[in-house]
C-alpha atoms as a PDB file:
ATOM      1  CA  UNK A   1      -5.610   2.378  -8.503  1.00  0.00           C
ATOM      2  CA  UNK A   2      -4.729  -0.253  -5.680  1.00  0.00           C
ATOM      3  CA  UNK A   3      -3.213  -0.196  -2.381  1.00  0.00           C
ATOM      4  CA  UNK A   4      -1.783  -3.632  -0.964  1.00  0.00           C
ATOM      5  CA  UNK A   5      -1.032  -4.051   2.562  1.00  0.00           C
ATOM      6  CA  UNK A   6       0.842  -7.098   3.520  1.00  0.00           C
ATOM      7  CA  UNK A   7      -0.242  -8.227   7.238  1.00  0.00           C
ATOM      8  CA  UNK A   8      -0.681 -11.065   9.318  1.00  0.00           C
ATOM      9  CA  UNK A   9      -3.684 -11.637  12.152  1.00  0.00           C
ATOM     10  CA  UNK A  10      -2.676  -9.933  15.595  1.00  0.00           C
ATOM     11  CA  UNK A  11      -0.226  -7.602  13.976  1.00  0.00           C
ATOM     12  CA  UNK A  12      -0.931  -4.485  16.035  1.00  0.00           C
ATOM     13  CA  UNK A  13       1.053  -1.922  13.419  1.00  0.00           C
ATOM     14  CA  UNK A  14      -0.902  -3.969  10.553  1.00  0.00           C
ATOM     15  CA  UNK A  15      -4.386  -3.210  12.074  1.00  0.00           C
ATOM     16  CA  UNK A  16      -3.655   0.589  13.107  1.00  0.00           C
ATOM     17  CA  UNK A  17      -2.270   1.323   9.384  1.00  0.00           C
ATOM     18  CA  UNK A  18      -5.320  -0.688   8.108  1.00  0.00           C
ATOM     19  CA  UNK A  19      -7.653   1.644  10.004  1.00  0.00           C
ATOM     20  CA  UNK A  20      -5.884   4.634   8.933  1.00  0.00           C
ATOM     21  CA  UNK A  21      -6.040   3.673   5.292  1.00  0.00           C
ATOM     22  CA  UNK A  22      -9.649   3.083   5.506  1.00  0.00           C
ATOM     23  CA  UNK A  23     -10.027   6.609   6.703  1.00  0.00           C
ATOM     24  CA  UNK A  24      -8.015   8.190   3.518  1.00  0.00           C
ATOM     25  CA  UNK A  25     -10.123  10.209   1.131  1.00  0.00           C
ATOM     26  CA  UNK A  26      -7.410  11.449  -1.266  1.00  0.00           C
ATOM     27  CA  UNK A  27      -6.146   9.852  -3.260  1.00  0.00           C
ATOM     28  CA  UNK A  28      -8.874   7.199  -4.072  1.00  0.00           C
ATOM     29  CA  UNK A  29      -7.952   3.618  -3.920  1.00  0.00           C
ATOM     30  CA  UNK A  30      -8.931   0.745  -3.303  1.00  0.00           C
ATOM     31  CA  UNK A  31      -7.511  -1.053  -0.448  1.00  0.00           C
ATOM     32  CA  UNK A  32      -6.466  -4.852  -0.878  1.00  0.00           C
ATOM     33  CA  UNK A  33      -5.260  -6.495   2.424  1.00  0.00           C
ATOM     34  CA  UNK A  34      -3.058  -9.827   1.938  1.00  0.00           C
ATOM     35  CA  UNK A  35      -2.412 -11.993   5.009  1.00  0.00           C
ATOM     36  CA  UNK A  36       1.485 -13.030   4.840  1.00  0.00           C
ATOM     37  CA  UNK A  37       0.447 -16.661   6.444  1.00  0.00           C
ATOM     38  CA  UNK A  38      -1.557 -17.784   3.814  1.00  0.00           C
ATOM     39  CA  UNK A  39       1.152 -18.004   1.528  1.00  0.00           C
ATOM     40  CA  UNK A  40       4.785 -18.893   1.918  1.00  0.00           C
ATOM     41  CA  UNK A  41       6.250 -16.641  -0.213  1.00  0.00           C
ATOM     42  CA  UNK A  42       4.711 -14.075   0.913  1.00  0.00           C
ATOM     43  CA  UNK A  43       5.623 -15.071   4.736  1.00  0.00           C
ATOM     44  CA  UNK A  44       9.257 -15.522   3.552  1.00  0.00           C
ATOM     45  CA  UNK A  45       9.278 -11.938   1.762  1.00  0.00           C
ATOM     46  CA  UNK A  46       7.641 -10.239   4.346  1.00  0.00           C
ATOM     47  CA  UNK A  47       7.411 -11.931   7.973  1.00  0.00           C
ATOM     48  CA  UNK A  48      10.088  -9.145   9.409  1.00  0.00           C
ATOM     49  CA  UNK A  49       8.641  -6.274   7.563  1.00  0.00           C
ATOM     50  CA  UNK A  50       4.998  -5.919   7.894  1.00  0.00           C
ATOM     51  CA  UNK A  51       3.058  -3.903   7.416  1.00  0.00           C
ATOM     52  CA  UNK A  52       4.150  -3.196   3.868  1.00  0.00           C
ATOM     53  CA  UNK A  53       2.610  -1.386   1.216  1.00  0.00           C
ATOM     54  CA  UNK A  54       2.864  -1.568  -2.472  1.00  0.00           C
ATOM     55  CA  UNK A  55       0.498   0.397  -4.981  1.00  0.00           C
ATOM     56  CA  UNK A  56      -0.812  -0.932  -8.110  1.00  0.00           C
ATOM     57  CA  UNK A  57      -2.039   1.414 -11.181  1.00  0.00           C
ATOM     58  CA  UNK A  58      -4.759  -0.123 -13.249  1.00  0.00           C
ATOM     59  CA  UNK A  59      -3.741   0.414 -16.572  1.00  0.00           C
ATOM     60  CA  UNK A  60      -6.860  -0.738 -17.824  1.00  0.00           C
ATOM     61  CA  UNK A  61      -9.986  -1.376 -16.141  1.00  0.00           C
ATOM     62  CA  UNK A  62     -10.873  -4.571 -15.013  1.00  0.00           C
ATOM     63  CA  UNK A  63      -7.924  -6.336 -16.326  1.00  0.00           C
ATOM     64  CA  UNK A  64      -5.674  -8.135 -13.852  1.00  0.00           C
ATOM     65  CA  UNK A  65      -2.999  -8.677 -16.731  1.00  0.00           C
ATOM     66  CA  UNK A  66      -2.875  -5.160 -17.522  1.00  0.00           C
ATOM     67  CA  UNK A  67      -1.751  -3.609 -14.513  1.00  0.00           C
ATOM     68  CA  UNK A  68       1.564  -1.577 -13.829  1.00  0.00           C
ATOM     69  CA  UNK A  69       4.336  -3.138 -12.091  1.00  0.00           C
ATOM     70  CA  UNK A  70       3.638  -2.846  -7.997  1.00  0.00           C
ATOM     71  CA  UNK A  71       5.453   0.263  -6.717  1.00  0.00           C
ATOM     72  CA  UNK A  72       6.791   0.140  -3.378  1.00  0.00           C
ATOM     73  CA  UNK A  73       5.656   2.969  -1.036  1.00  0.00           C
ATOM     74  CA  UNK A  74       7.968   4.109   1.853  1.00  0.00           C
ATOM     75  CA  UNK A  75       6.965   2.458   5.297  1.00  0.00           C
ATOM     76  CA  UNK A  76       4.632   4.873   7.475  1.00  0.00           C
ATOM     77  CA  UNK A  77       5.306   5.446  10.859  1.00  0.00           C
ATOM     78  CA  UNK A  78       2.591   4.215  13.481  1.00  0.00           C
ATOM     79  CA  UNK A  79       2.429   7.468  14.868  1.00  0.00           C
ATOM     80  CA  UNK A  80       1.213   9.027  11.349  1.00  0.00           C
ATOM     81  CA  UNK A  81      -2.111  10.811  11.272  1.00  0.00           C
ATOM     82  CA  UNK A  82      -4.539  10.132   8.533  1.00  0.00           C
ATOM     83  CA  UNK A  83      -3.340  13.822   6.926  1.00  0.00           C
ATOM     84  CA  UNK A  84       0.353  12.729   6.899  1.00  0.00           C
ATOM     85  CA  UNK A  85      -0.815   9.359   5.287  1.00  0.00           C
ATOM     86  CA  UNK A  86      -2.722  11.216   2.709  1.00  0.00           C
ATOM     87  CA  UNK A  87       0.166  13.381   1.709  1.00  0.00           C
ATOM     88  CA  UNK A  88       2.648  10.337   1.718  1.00  0.00           C
ATOM     89  CA  UNK A  89       0.234   8.599  -0.662  1.00  0.00           C
ATOM     90  CA  UNK A  90      -0.118  11.600  -2.852  1.00  0.00           C
ATOM     91  CA  UNK A  91       3.661  12.216  -3.049  1.00  0.00           C
ATOM     92  CA  UNK A  92       4.067   8.645  -4.252  1.00  0.00           C
ATOM     93  CA  UNK A  93       1.416   8.076  -6.255  1.00  0.00           C
ATOM     94  CA  UNK A  94       0.140  11.176  -7.964  1.00  0.00           C
ATOM     95  CA  UNK A  95       3.574  12.265  -9.172  1.00  0.00           C
ATOM     96  CA  UNK A  96       4.361  11.393 -12.927  1.00  0.00           C
ATOM     97  CA  UNK A  97       7.281   9.736 -13.735  1.00  0.00           C
ATOM     98  CA  UNK A  98       8.752  12.725 -15.370  1.00  0.00           C
ATOM     99  CA  UNK A  99       8.688  14.716 -12.057  1.00  0.00           C
ATOM    100  CA  UNK A 100      10.326  11.777 -10.144  1.00  0.00           C
ATOM    101  CA  UNK A 101      13.449  11.890 -12.499  1.00  0.00           C
ATOM    102  CA  UNK A 102      13.747  15.595 -11.565  1.00  0.00           C
END
């Protein structure tokens, strides 16, 4: 599983969330940071929203063409602790599609 953090240099909220995500132990994921200033489409989409998180479940190991669609994750409070962030990630990432529809 990968977590994508859309961010930009100098964003203190982004930096704080990045630091906390680096401390999360469960669930296990790869963290990918995307600088929105590097691509116009990212900048247009997220310039007023950063930090923005998406999860990508890898369907087949090391095959980017078989990733599942990105799952938008809820906005996490800048005051959230690492354990609180872990709870949010577990709730959204470890649920099965059957559980979400109930």
